[in-house]
Amino acid sequence: FFNETPGGFSDWRMSRALELKGIRI
């Protein structure tokens, strides 16, 4: 649930991969 929820773990990993600093998707 927390992985697939918008703003969850998968979005956090994606924003790190896109090198977005300090924000989530």
mmCIF file of all heavy atoms, coordinates in Angstrom:
data_MODEL
# 
_entry.id   MODEL 
# 
loop_
_atom_site.group_PDB 
_atom_site.id 
_atom_site.type_symbol 
_atom_site.label_atom_id 
_atom_site.label_alt_id 
_atom_site.label_comp_id 
_atom_site.label_asym_id 
_atom_site.label_entity_id 
_atom_site.label_seq_id 
_atom_site.pdbx_PDB_ins_code 
_atom_site.Cartn_x 
_atom_site.Cartn_y 
_atom_site.Cartn_z 
_atom_site.occupancy 
_atom_site.B_iso_or_equiv 
_atom_site.pdbx_formal_charge 
_atom_site.auth_seq_id 
_atom_site.auth_comp_id 
_atom_site.auth_asym_id 
_atom_site.auth_atom_id 
_atom_site.pdbx_PDB_model_num 
ATOM 1   N N   . PHE A 1 1  ? 0.827  -1.203 0.000   1.00 0.00 ? 1  PHE A N   1 
ATOM 2   C CA  . PHE A 1 1  ? 0.000  0.000  0.000   1.00 0.00 ? 1  PHE A CA  1 
ATOM 3   C C   . PHE A 1 1  ? 0.862  1.254  0.000   1.00 0.00 ? 1  PHE A C   1 
ATOM 4   O O   . PHE A 1 1  ? 0.662  2.164  -0.802  1.00 0.00 ? 1  PHE A O   1 
ATOM 5   C CB  . PHE A 1 1  ? -0.926 -0.008 1.217   1.00 0.00 ? 1  PHE A CB  1 
ATOM 6   C CG  . PHE A 1 1  ? -1.773 1.231  1.326   1.00 0.00 ? 1  PHE A CG  1 
ATOM 7   C CD1 . PHE A 1 1  ? -2.898 1.380  0.538   1.00 0.00 ? 1  PHE A CD1 1 
ATOM 8   C CD2 . PHE A 1 1  ? -1.442 2.237  2.214   1.00 0.00 ? 1  PHE A CD2 1 
ATOM 9   C CE1 . PHE A 1 1  ? -3.678 2.520  0.627   1.00 0.00 ? 1  PHE A CE1 1 
ATOM 10  C CE2 . PHE A 1 1  ? -2.207 3.378  2.321   1.00 0.00 ? 1  PHE A CE2 1 
ATOM 11  C CZ  . PHE A 1 1  ? -3.336 3.514  1.517   1.00 0.00 ? 1  PHE A CZ  1 
ATOM 12  N N   . PHE A 1 2  ? 1.861  1.320  0.890   1.00 0.00 ? 2  PHE A N   1 
ATOM 13  C CA  . PHE A 1 2  ? 2.704  2.510  0.962   1.00 0.00 ? 2  PHE A CA  1 
ATOM 14  C C   . PHE A 1 2  ? 3.648  2.626  -0.229  1.00 0.00 ? 2  PHE A C   1 
ATOM 15  O O   . PHE A 1 2  ? 4.112  3.714  -0.547  1.00 0.00 ? 2  PHE A O   1 
ATOM 16  C CB  . PHE A 1 2  ? 3.500  2.547  2.268   1.00 0.00 ? 2  PHE A CB  1 
ATOM 17  C CG  . PHE A 1 2  ? 2.672  2.964  3.440   1.00 0.00 ? 2  PHE A CG  1 
ATOM 18  C CD1 . PHE A 1 2  ? 2.490  2.114  4.509   1.00 0.00 ? 2  PHE A CD1 1 
ATOM 19  C CD2 . PHE A 1 2  ? 2.055  4.200  3.463   1.00 0.00 ? 2  PHE A CD2 1 
ATOM 20  C CE1 . PHE A 1 2  ? 1.714  2.502  5.596   1.00 0.00 ? 2  PHE A CE1 1 
ATOM 21  C CE2 . PHE A 1 2  ? 1.282  4.591  4.535   1.00 0.00 ? 2  PHE A CE2 1 
ATOM 22  C CZ  . PHE A 1 2  ? 1.111  3.738  5.601   1.00 0.00 ? 2  PHE A CZ  1 
ATOM 23  N N   . ASN A 1 3  ? 3.941  1.520  -0.897  1.00 0.00 ? 3  ASN A N   1 
ATOM 24  C CA  . ASN A 1 3  ? 4.776  1.582  -2.088  1.00 0.00 ? 3  ASN A CA  1 
ATOM 25  C C   . ASN A 1 3  ? 3.999  2.151  -3.273  1.00 0.00 ? 3  ASN A C   1 
ATOM 26  O O   . ASN A 1 3  ? 4.514  2.966  -4.025  1.00 0.00 ? 3  ASN A O   1 
ATOM 27  C CB  . ASN A 1 3  ? 5.312  0.196  -2.440  1.00 0.00 ? 3  ASN A CB  1 
ATOM 28  C CG  . ASN A 1 3  ? 6.349  0.248  -3.522  1.00 0.00 ? 3  ASN A CG  1 
ATOM 29  O OD1 . ASN A 1 3  ? 7.226  1.092  -3.496  1.00 0.00 ? 3  ASN A OD1 1 
ATOM 30  N ND2 . ASN A 1 3  ? 6.248  -0.639 -4.474  1.00 0.00 ? 3  ASN A ND2 1 
ATOM 31  N N   . GLU A 1 4  ? 2.752  1.754  -3.441  1.00 0.00 ? 4  GLU A N   1 
ATOM 32  C CA  . GLU A 1 4  ? 1.976  2.138  -4.612  1.00 0.00 ? 4  GLU A CA  1 
ATOM 33  C C   . GLU A 1 4  ? 1.104  3.374  -4.411  1.00 0.00 ? 4  GLU A C   1 
ATOM 34  O O   . GLU A 1 4  ? 0.549  3.889  -5.366  1.00 0.00 ? 4  GLU A O   1 
ATOM 35  C CB  . GLU A 1 4  ? 1.096  0.977  -5.067  1.00 0.00 ? 4  GLU A CB  1 
ATOM 36  C CG  . GLU A 1 4  ? 1.899  -0.204 -5.561  1.00 0.00 ? 4  GLU A CG  1 
ATOM 37  C CD  . GLU A 1 4  ? 2.790  0.143  -6.753  1.00 0.00 ? 4  GLU A CD  1 
ATOM 38  O OE1 . GLU A 1 4  ? 2.358  0.937  -7.612  1.00 0.00 ? 4  GLU A OE1 1 
ATOM 39  O OE2 . GLU A 1 4  ? 3.915  -0.368 -6.805  1.00 0.00 ? 4  GLU A OE2 1 
ATOM 40  N N   . THR A 1 5  ? 0.970  3.860  -3.205  1.00 0.00 ? 5  THR A N   1 
ATOM 41  C CA  . THR A 1 5  ? 0.188  5.059  -2.954  1.00 0.00 ? 5  THR A CA  1 
ATOM 42  C C   . THR A 1 5  ? 0.870  6.258  -3.595  1.00 0.00 ? 5  THR A C   1 
ATOM 43  O O   . THR A 1 5  ? 2.091  6.371  -3.538  1.00 0.00 ? 5  THR A O   1 
ATOM 44  C CB  . THR A 1 5  ? 0.053  5.303  -1.434  1.00 0.00 ? 5  THR A CB  1 
ATOM 45  O OG1 . THR A 1 5  ? -0.585 4.174  -0.859  1.00 0.00 ? 5  THR A OG1 1 
ATOM 46  C CG2 . THR A 1 5  ? -0.755 6.536  -1.128  1.00 0.00 ? 5  THR A CG2 1 
ATOM 47  N N   . PRO A 1 6  ? 0.105  7.161  -4.234  1.00 0.00 ? 6  PRO A N   1 
ATOM 48  C CA  . PRO A 1 6  ? 0.731  8.370  -4.790  1.00 0.00 ? 6  PRO A CA  1 
ATOM 49  C C   . PRO A 1 6  ? 1.511  9.116  -3.713  1.00 0.00 ? 6  PRO A C   1 
ATOM 50  O O   . PRO A 1 6  ? 1.004  9.364  -2.627  1.00 0.00 ? 6  PRO A O   1 
ATOM 51  C CB  . PRO A 1 6  ? -0.460 9.188  -5.284  1.00 0.00 ? 6  PRO A CB  1 
ATOM 52  C CG  . PRO A 1 6  ? -1.506 8.177  -5.562  1.00 0.00 ? 6  PRO A CG  1 
ATOM 53  C CD  . PRO A 1 6  ? -1.322 7.100  -4.522  1.00 0.00 ? 6  PRO A CD  1 
ATOM 54  N N   . GLY A 1 7  ? 2.759  9.447  -4.030  1.00 0.00 ? 7  GLY A N   1 
ATOM 55  C CA  . GLY A 1 7  ? 3.630  10.087 -3.057  1.00 0.00 ? 7  GLY A CA  1 
ATOM 56  C C   . GLY A 1 7  ? 4.313  9.102  -2.136  1.00 0.00 ? 7  GLY A C   1 
ATOM 57  O O   . GLY A 1 7  ? 5.010  9.492  -1.201  1.00 0.00 ? 7  GLY A O   1 
ATOM 58  N N   . GLY A 1 8  ? 4.153  7.808  -2.397  1.00 0.00 ? 8  GLY A N   1 
ATOM 59  C CA  . GLY A 1 8  ? 4.720  6.773  -1.539  1.00 0.00 ? 8  GLY A CA  1 
ATOM 60  C C   . GLY A 1 8  ? 6.165  6.451  -1.875  1.00 0.00 ? 8  GLY A C   1 
ATOM 61  O O   . GLY A 1 8  ? 6.895  7.246  -2.475  1.00 0.00 ? 8  GLY A O   1 
ATOM 62  N N   . PHE A 1 9  ? 6.574  5.251  -1.476  1.00 0.00 ? 9  PHE A N   1 
ATOM 63  C CA  . PHE A 1 9  ? 7.963  4.844  -1.624  1.00 0.00 ? 9  PHE A CA  1 
ATOM 64  C C   . PHE A 1 9  ? 8.422  4.843  -3.077  1.00 0.00 ? 9  PHE A C   1 
ATOM 65  O O   . PHE A 1 9  ? 9.543  5.238  -3.382  1.00 0.00 ? 9  PHE A O   1 
ATOM 66  C CB  . PHE A 1 9  ? 8.189  3.458  -1.023  1.00 0.00 ? 9  PHE A CB  1 
ATOM 67  C CG  . PHE A 1 9  ? 7.930  3.385  0.452   1.00 0.00 ? 9  PHE A CG  1 
ATOM 68  C CD1 . PHE A 1 9  ? 7.272  2.299  0.999   1.00 0.00 ? 9  PHE A CD1 1 
ATOM 69  C CD2 . PHE A 1 9  ? 8.340  4.401  1.303   1.00 0.00 ? 9  PHE A CD2 1 
ATOM 70  C CE1 . PHE A 1 9  ? 7.035  2.225  2.360   1.00 0.00 ? 9  PHE A CE1 1 
ATOM 71  C CE2 . PHE A 1 9  ? 8.111  4.335  2.662   1.00 0.00 ? 9  PHE A CE2 1 
ATOM 72  C CZ  . PHE A 1 9  ? 7.448  3.237  3.186   1.00 0.00 ? 9  PHE A CZ  1 
ATOM 73  N N   . SER A 1 10 ? 7.578  4.365  -4.018  1.00 0.00 ? 10 SER A N   1 
ATOM 74  C CA  . SER A 1 10 ? 8.001  4.307  -5.415  1.00 0.00 ? 10 SER A CA  1 
ATOM 75  C C   . SER A 1 10 ? 8.195  5.708  -5.987  1.00 0.00 ? 10 SER A C   1 
ATOM 76  O O   . SER A 1 10 ? 9.139  5.939  -6.754  1.00 0.00 ? 10 SER A O   1 
ATOM 77  C CB  . SER A 1 10 ? 7.006  3.514  -6.256  1.00 0.00 ? 10 SER A CB  1 
ATOM 78  O OG  . SER A 1 10 ? 5.739  4.132  -6.258  1.00 0.00 ? 10 SER A OG  1 
ATOM 79  N N   . ASP A 1 11 ? 7.343  6.659  -5.625  1.00 0.00 ? 11 ASP A N   1 
ATOM 80  C CA  . ASP A 1 11 ? 7.529  8.039  -6.077  1.00 0.00 ? 11 ASP A CA  1 
ATOM 81  C C   . ASP A 1 11 ? 8.773  8.657  -5.449  1.00 0.00 ? 11 ASP A C   1 
ATOM 82  O O   . ASP A 1 11 ? 9.481  9.430  -6.086  1.00 0.00 ? 11 ASP A O   1 
ATOM 83  C CB  . ASP A 1 11 ? 6.304  8.894  -5.746  1.00 0.00 ? 11 ASP A CB  1 
ATOM 84  C CG  . ASP A 1 11 ? 5.127  8.581  -6.651  1.00 0.00 ? 11 ASP A CG  1 
ATOM 85  O OD1 . ASP A 1 11 ? 5.347  7.926  -7.685  1.00 0.00 ? 11 ASP A OD1 1 
ATOM 86  O OD2 . ASP A 1 11 ? 4.006  8.987  -6.326  1.00 0.00 ? 11 ASP A OD2 1 
ATOM 87  N N   . TRP A 1 12 ? 9.049  8.315  -4.203  1.00 0.00 ? 12 TRP A N   1 
ATOM 88  C CA  . TRP A 1 12 ? 10.248 8.818  -3.539  1.00 0.00 ? 12 TRP A CA  1 
ATOM 89  C C   . TRP A 1 12 ? 11.499 8.307  -4.250  1.00 0.00 ? 12 TRP A C   1 
ATOM 90  O O   . TRP A 1 12 ? 12.429 9.065  -4.507  1.00 0.00 ? 12 TRP A O   1 
ATOM 91  C CB  . TRP A 1 12 ? 10.227 8.375  -2.083  1.00 0.00 ? 12 TRP A CB  1 
ATOM 92  C CG  . TRP A 1 12 ? 11.403 8.836  -1.299  1.00 0.00 ? 12 TRP A CG  1 
ATOM 93  C CD1 . TRP A 1 12 ? 11.644 10.094 -0.826  1.00 0.00 ? 12 TRP A CD1 1 
ATOM 94  C CD2 . TRP A 1 12 ? 12.523 8.043  -0.898  1.00 0.00 ? 12 TRP A CD2 1 
ATOM 95  N NE1 . TRP A 1 12 ? 12.834 10.124 -0.147  1.00 0.00 ? 12 TRP A NE1 1 
ATOM 96  C CE2 . TRP A 1 12 ? 13.393 8.880  -0.181  1.00 0.00 ? 12 TRP A CE2 1 
ATOM 97  C CE3 . TRP A 1 12 ? 12.857 6.710  -1.070  1.00 0.00 ? 12 TRP A CE3 1 
ATOM 98  C CZ2 . TRP A 1 12 ? 14.584 8.416  0.358   1.00 0.00 ? 12 TRP A CZ2 1 
ATOM 99  C CZ3 . TRP A 1 12 ? 14.040 6.247  -0.534  1.00 0.00 ? 12 TRP A CZ3 1 
ATOM 100 C CH2 . TRP A 1 12 ? 14.891 7.105  0.174   1.00 0.00 ? 12 TRP A CH2 1 
ATOM 101 N N   . ARG A 1 13 ? 11.513 7.010  -4.602  1.00 0.00 ? 13 ARG A N   1 
ATOM 102 C CA  . ARG A 1 13 ? 12.655 6.454  -5.328  1.00 0.00 ? 13 ARG A CA  1 
ATOM 103 C C   . ARG A 1 13 ? 12.800 7.088  -6.709  1.00 0.00 ? 13 ARG A C   1 
ATOM 104 O O   . ARG A 1 13 ? 13.907 7.362  -7.168  1.00 0.00 ? 13 ARG A O   1 
ATOM 105 C CB  . ARG A 1 13 ? 12.514 4.940  -5.455  1.00 0.00 ? 13 ARG A CB  1 
ATOM 106 C CG  . ARG A 1 13 ? 12.807 4.196  -4.174  1.00 0.00 ? 13 ARG A CG  1 
ATOM 107 C CD  . ARG A 1 13 ? 12.937 2.700  -4.396  1.00 0.00 ? 13 ARG A CD  1 
ATOM 108 N NE  . ARG A 1 13 ? 11.838 2.111  -5.132  1.00 0.00 ? 13 ARG A NE  1 
ATOM 109 C CZ  . ARG A 1 13 ? 10.728 1.623  -4.578  1.00 0.00 ? 13 ARG A CZ  1 
ATOM 110 N NH1 . ARG A 1 13 ? 10.575 1.681  -3.280  1.00 0.00 ? 13 ARG A NH1 1 
ATOM 111 N NH2 . ARG A 1 13 ? 9.789  1.094  -5.319  1.00 0.00 ? 13 ARG A NH2 1 
ATOM 112 N N   . MET A 1 14 ? 11.674 7.349  -7.380  1.00 0.00 ? 14 MET A N   1 
ATOM 113 C CA  . MET A 1 14 ? 11.721 7.954  -8.709  1.00 0.00 ? 14 MET A CA  1 
ATOM 114 C C   . MET A 1 14 ? 12.269 9.380  -8.631  1.00 0.00 ? 14 MET A C   1 
ATOM 115 O O   . MET A 1 14 ? 13.083 9.779  -9.463  1.00 0.00 ? 14 MET A O   1 
ATOM 116 C CB  . MET A 1 14 ? 10.327 7.972  -9.330  1.00 0.00 ? 14 MET A CB  1 
ATOM 117 C CG  . MET A 1 14 ? 10.289 8.594  -10.706 1.00 0.00 ? 14 MET A CG  1 
ATOM 118 S SD  . MET A 1 14 ? 11.210 7.679  -11.944 1.00 0.00 ? 14 MET A SD  1 
ATOM 119 C CE  . MET A 1 14 ? 10.086 6.355  -12.240 1.00 0.00 ? 14 MET A CE  1 
ATOM 120 N N   . SER A 1 15 ? 11.845 10.152 -7.642  1.00 0.00 ? 15 SER A N   1 
ATOM 121 C CA  . SER A 1 15 ? 12.348 11.520 -7.529  1.00 0.00 ? 15 SER A CA  1 
ATOM 122 C C   . SER A 1 15 ? 13.841 11.527 -7.187  1.00 0.00 ? 15 SER A C   1 
ATOM 123 O O   . SER A 1 15 ? 14.572 12.396 -7.647  1.00 0.00 ? 15 SER A O   1 
ATOM 124 C CB  . SER A 1 15 ? 11.553 12.342 -6.528  1.00 0.00 ? 15 SER A CB  1 
ATOM 125 O OG  . SER A 1 15 ? 11.471 11.725 -5.289  1.00 0.00 ? 15 SER A OG  1 
ATOM 126 N N   . ARG A 1 16 ? 14.316 10.546 -6.434  1.00 0.00 ? 16 ARG A N   1 
ATOM 127 C CA  . ARG A 1 16 ? 15.758 10.439 -6.187  1.00 0.00 ? 16 ARG A CA  1 
ATOM 128 C C   . ARG A 1 16 ? 16.502 10.079 -7.460  1.00 0.00 ? 16 ARG A C   1 
ATOM 129 O O   . ARG A 1 16 ? 17.583 10.589 -7.724  1.00 0.00 ? 16 ARG A O   1 
ATOM 130 C CB  . ARG A 1 16 ? 16.043 9.398  -5.107  1.00 0.00 ? 16 ARG A CB  1 
ATOM 131 C CG  . ARG A 1 16 ? 15.706 9.919  -3.722  1.00 0.00 ? 16 ARG A CG  1 
ATOM 132 C CD  . ARG A 1 16 ? 16.204 9.018  -2.647  1.00 0.00 ? 16 ARG A CD  1 
ATOM 133 N NE  . ARG A 1 16 ? 17.660 8.942  -2.672  1.00 0.00 ? 16 ARG A NE  1 
ATOM 134 C CZ  . ARG A 1 16 ? 18.360 8.039  -2.020  1.00 0.00 ? 16 ARG A CZ  1 
ATOM 135 N NH1 . ARG A 1 16 ? 17.739 7.129  -1.306  1.00 0.00 ? 16 ARG A NH1 1 
ATOM 136 N NH2 . ARG A 1 16 ? 19.666 8.027  -2.084  1.00 0.00 ? 16 ARG A NH2 1 
ATOM 137 N N   . ALA A 1 17 ? 15.912 9.181  -8.277  1.00 0.00 ? 17 ALA A N   1 
ATOM 138 C CA  . ALA A 1 17 ? 16.556 8.787  -9.530  1.00 0.00 ? 17 ALA A CA  1 
ATOM 139 C C   . ALA A 1 17 ? 16.609 9.952  -10.512 1.00 0.00 ? 17 ALA A C   1 
ATOM 140 O O   . ALA A 1 17 ? 17.549 10.077 -11.292 1.00 0.00 ? 17 ALA A O   1 
ATOM 141 C CB  . ALA A 1 17 ? 15.812 7.614  -10.153 1.00 0.00 ? 17 ALA A CB  1 
ATOM 142 N N   . LEU A 1 18 ? 15.600 10.825 -10.469 1.00 0.00 ? 18 LEU A N   1 
ATOM 143 C CA  . LEU A 1 18 ? 15.567 12.005 -11.337 1.00 0.00 ? 18 LEU A CA  1 
ATOM 144 C C   . LEU A 1 18 ? 16.367 13.163 -10.748 1.00 0.00 ? 18 LEU A C   1 
ATOM 145 O O   . LEU A 1 18 ? 16.381 14.250 -11.315 1.00 0.00 ? 18 LEU A O   1 
ATOM 146 C CB  . LEU A 1 18 ? 14.122 12.451 -11.572 1.00 0.00 ? 18 LEU A CB  1 
ATOM 147 C CG  . LEU A 1 18 ? 13.257 11.490 -12.375 1.00 0.00 ? 18 LEU A CG  1 
ATOM 148 C CD1 . LEU A 1 18 ? 11.807 11.957 -12.368 1.00 0.00 ? 18 LEU A CD1 1 
ATOM 149 C CD2 . LEU A 1 18 ? 13.772 11.358 -13.785 1.00 0.00 ? 18 LEU A CD2 1 
ATOM 150 N N   . GLU A 1 19 ? 16.986 12.931 -9.605  1.00 0.00 ? 19 GLU A N   1 
ATOM 151 C CA  . GLU A 1 19 ? 17.797 13.912 -8.894  1.00 0.00 ? 19 GLU A CA  1 
ATOM 152 C C   . GLU A 1 19 ? 17.003 15.170 -8.530  1.00 0.00 ? 19 GLU A C   1 
ATOM 153 O O   . GLU A 1 19 ? 17.501 16.286 -8.618  1.00 0.00 ? 19 GLU A O   1 
ATOM 154 C CB  . GLU A 1 19 ? 19.040 14.264 -9.713  1.00 0.00 ? 19 GLU A CB  1 
ATOM 155 C CG  . GLU A 1 19 ? 19.958 13.079 -9.906  1.00 0.00 ? 19 GLU A CG  1 
ATOM 156 C CD  . GLU A 1 19 ? 21.186 13.416 -10.721 1.00 0.00 ? 19 GLU A CD  1 
ATOM 157 O OE1 . GLU A 1 19 ? 21.328 14.572 -11.159 1.00 0.00 ? 19 GLU A OE1 1 
ATOM 158 O OE2 . GLU A 1 19 ? 22.008 12.509 -10.914 1.00 0.00 ? 19 GLU A OE2 1 
ATOM 159 N N   . LEU A 1 20 ? 15.761 14.970 -8.120  1.00 0.00 ? 20 LEU A N   1 
ATOM 160 C CA  . LEU A 1 20 ? 14.958 16.072 -7.597  1.00 0.00 ? 20 LEU A CA  1 
ATOM 161 C C   . LEU A 1 20 ? 15.278 16.174 -6.121  1.00 0.00 ? 20 LEU A C   1 
ATOM 162 O O   . LEU A 1 20 ? 15.043 15.248 -5.358  1.00 0.00 ? 20 LEU A O   1 
ATOM 163 C CB  . LEU A 1 20 ? 13.463 15.804 -7.802  1.00 0.00 ? 20 LEU A CB  1 
ATOM 164 C CG  . LEU A 1 20 ? 13.014 15.642 -9.246  1.00 0.00 ? 20 LEU A CG  1 
ATOM 165 C CD1 . LEU A 1 20 ? 11.561 15.219 -9.281  1.00 0.00 ? 20 LEU A CD1 1 
ATOM 166 C CD2 . LEU A 1 20 ? 13.202 16.934 -9.999  1.00 0.00 ? 20 LEU A CD2 1 
ATOM 167 N N   . LYS A 1 21 ? 15.832 17.279 -5.703  1.00 0.00 ? 21 LYS A N   1 
ATOM 168 C CA  . LYS A 1 21 ? 16.299 17.414 -4.324  1.00 0.00 ? 21 LYS A CA  1 
ATOM 169 C C   . LYS A 1 21 ? 15.197 17.966 -3.418  1.00 0.00 ? 21 LYS A C   1 
ATOM 170 O O   . LYS A 1 21 ? 14.615 18.986 -3.702  1.00 0.00 ? 21 LYS A O   1 
ATOM 171 C CB  . LYS A 1 21 ? 17.515 18.325 -4.281  1.00 0.00 ? 21 LYS A CB  1 
ATOM 172 C CG  . LYS A 1 21 ? 18.663 17.753 -5.075  1.00 0.00 ? 21 LYS A CG  1 
ATOM 173 C CD  . LYS A 1 21 ? 19.883 18.605 -4.924  1.00 0.00 ? 21 LYS A CD  1 
ATOM 174 C CE  . LYS A 1 21 ? 20.912 18.266 -5.909  1.00 0.00 ? 21 LYS A CE  1 
ATOM 175 N NZ  . LYS A 1 21 ? 21.743 17.286 -5.898  1.00 0.00 ? 21 LYS A NZ  1 
ATOM 176 N N   . GLY A 1 22 ? 14.943 17.255 -2.360  1.00 0.00 ? 22 GLY A N   1 
ATOM 177 C CA  . GLY A 1 22 ? 14.056 17.750 -1.332  1.00 0.00 ? 22 GLY A CA  1 
ATOM 178 C C   . GLY A 1 22 ? 12.574 17.719 -1.647  1.00 0.00 ? 22 GLY A C   1 
ATOM 179 O O   . GLY A 1 22 ? 11.778 18.132 -0.843  1.00 0.00 ? 22 GLY A O   1 
ATOM 180 N N   . ILE A 1 23 ? 12.182 17.238 -2.816  1.00 0.00 ? 23 ILE A N   1 
ATOM 181 C CA  . ILE A 1 23 ? 10.758 17.179 -3.130  1.00 0.00 ? 23 ILE A CA  1 
ATOM 182 C C   . ILE A 1 23 ? 10.421 15.799 -3.659  1.00 0.00 ? 23 ILE A C   1 
ATOM 183 O O   . ILE A 1 23 ? 11.283 15.073 -4.145  1.00 0.00 ? 23 ILE A O   1 
ATOM 184 C CB  . ILE A 1 23 ? 10.328 18.237 -4.169  1.00 0.00 ? 23 ILE A CB  1 
ATOM 185 C CG1 . ILE A 1 23 ? 11.052 18.013 -5.493  1.00 0.00 ? 23 ILE A CG1 1 
ATOM 186 C CG2 . ILE A 1 23 ? 10.528 19.631 -3.673  1.00 0.00 ? 23 ILE A CG2 1 
ATOM 187 C CD1 . ILE A 1 23 ? 10.506 18.829 -6.625  1.00 0.00 ? 23 ILE A CD1 1 
ATOM 188 N N   . ARG A 1 24 ? 9.178  15.477 -3.554  1.00 0.00 ? 24 ARG A N   1 
ATOM 189 C CA  . ARG A 1 24 ? 8.686  14.242 -4.141  1.00 0.00 ? 24 ARG A CA  1 
ATOM 190 C C   . ARG A 1 24 ? 7.960  14.595 -5.429  1.00 0.00 ? 24 ARG A C   1 
ATOM 191 O O   . ARG A 1 24 ? 7.671  15.744 -5.698  1.00 0.00 ? 24 ARG A O   1 
ATOM 192 C CB  . ARG A 1 24 ? 7.724  13.550 -3.192  1.00 0.00 ? 24 ARG A CB  1 
ATOM 193 C CG  . ARG A 1 24 ? 8.420  13.013 -1.975  1.00 0.00 ? 24 ARG A CG  1 
ATOM 194 C CD  . ARG A 1 24 ? 7.469  12.236 -1.156  1.00 0.00 ? 24 ARG A CD  1 
ATOM 195 N NE  . ARG A 1 24 ? 8.187  11.641 -0.042  1.00 0.00 ? 24 ARG A NE  1 
ATOM 196 C CZ  . ARG A 1 24 ? 7.621  10.889 0.841   1.00 0.00 ? 24 ARG A CZ  1 
ATOM 197 N NH1 . ARG A 1 24 ? 6.355  10.625 0.765   1.00 0.00 ? 24 ARG A NH1 1 
ATOM 198 N NH2 . ARG A 1 24 ? 8.329  10.375 1.814   1.00 0.00 ? 24 ARG A NH2 1 
ATOM 199 N N   . ILE A 1 25 ? 7.667  13.576 -6.205  1.00 0.00 ? 25 ILE A N   1 
ATOM 200 C CA  . ILE A 1 25 ? 6.940  13.801 -7.441  1.00 0.00 ? 25 ILE A CA  1 
ATOM 201 C C   . ILE A 1 25 ? 5.560  14.336 -7.078  1.00 0.00 ? 25 ILE A C   1 
ATOM 202 O O   . ILE A 1 25 ? 4.826  13.712 -6.310  1.00 0.00 ? 25 ILE A O   1 
ATOM 203 C CB  . ILE A 1 25 ? 6.845  12.510 -8.252  1.00 0.00 ? 25 ILE A CB  1 
ATOM 204 C CG1 . ILE A 1 25 ? 8.246  12.101 -8.684  1.00 0.00 ? 25 ILE A CG1 1 
ATOM 205 C CG2 . ILE A 1 25 ? 5.928  12.681 -9.447  1.00 0.00 ? 25 ILE A CG2 1 
ATOM 206 C CD1 . ILE A 1 25 ? 8.326  10.796 -9.401  1.00 0.00 ? 25 ILE A CD1 1 
# 
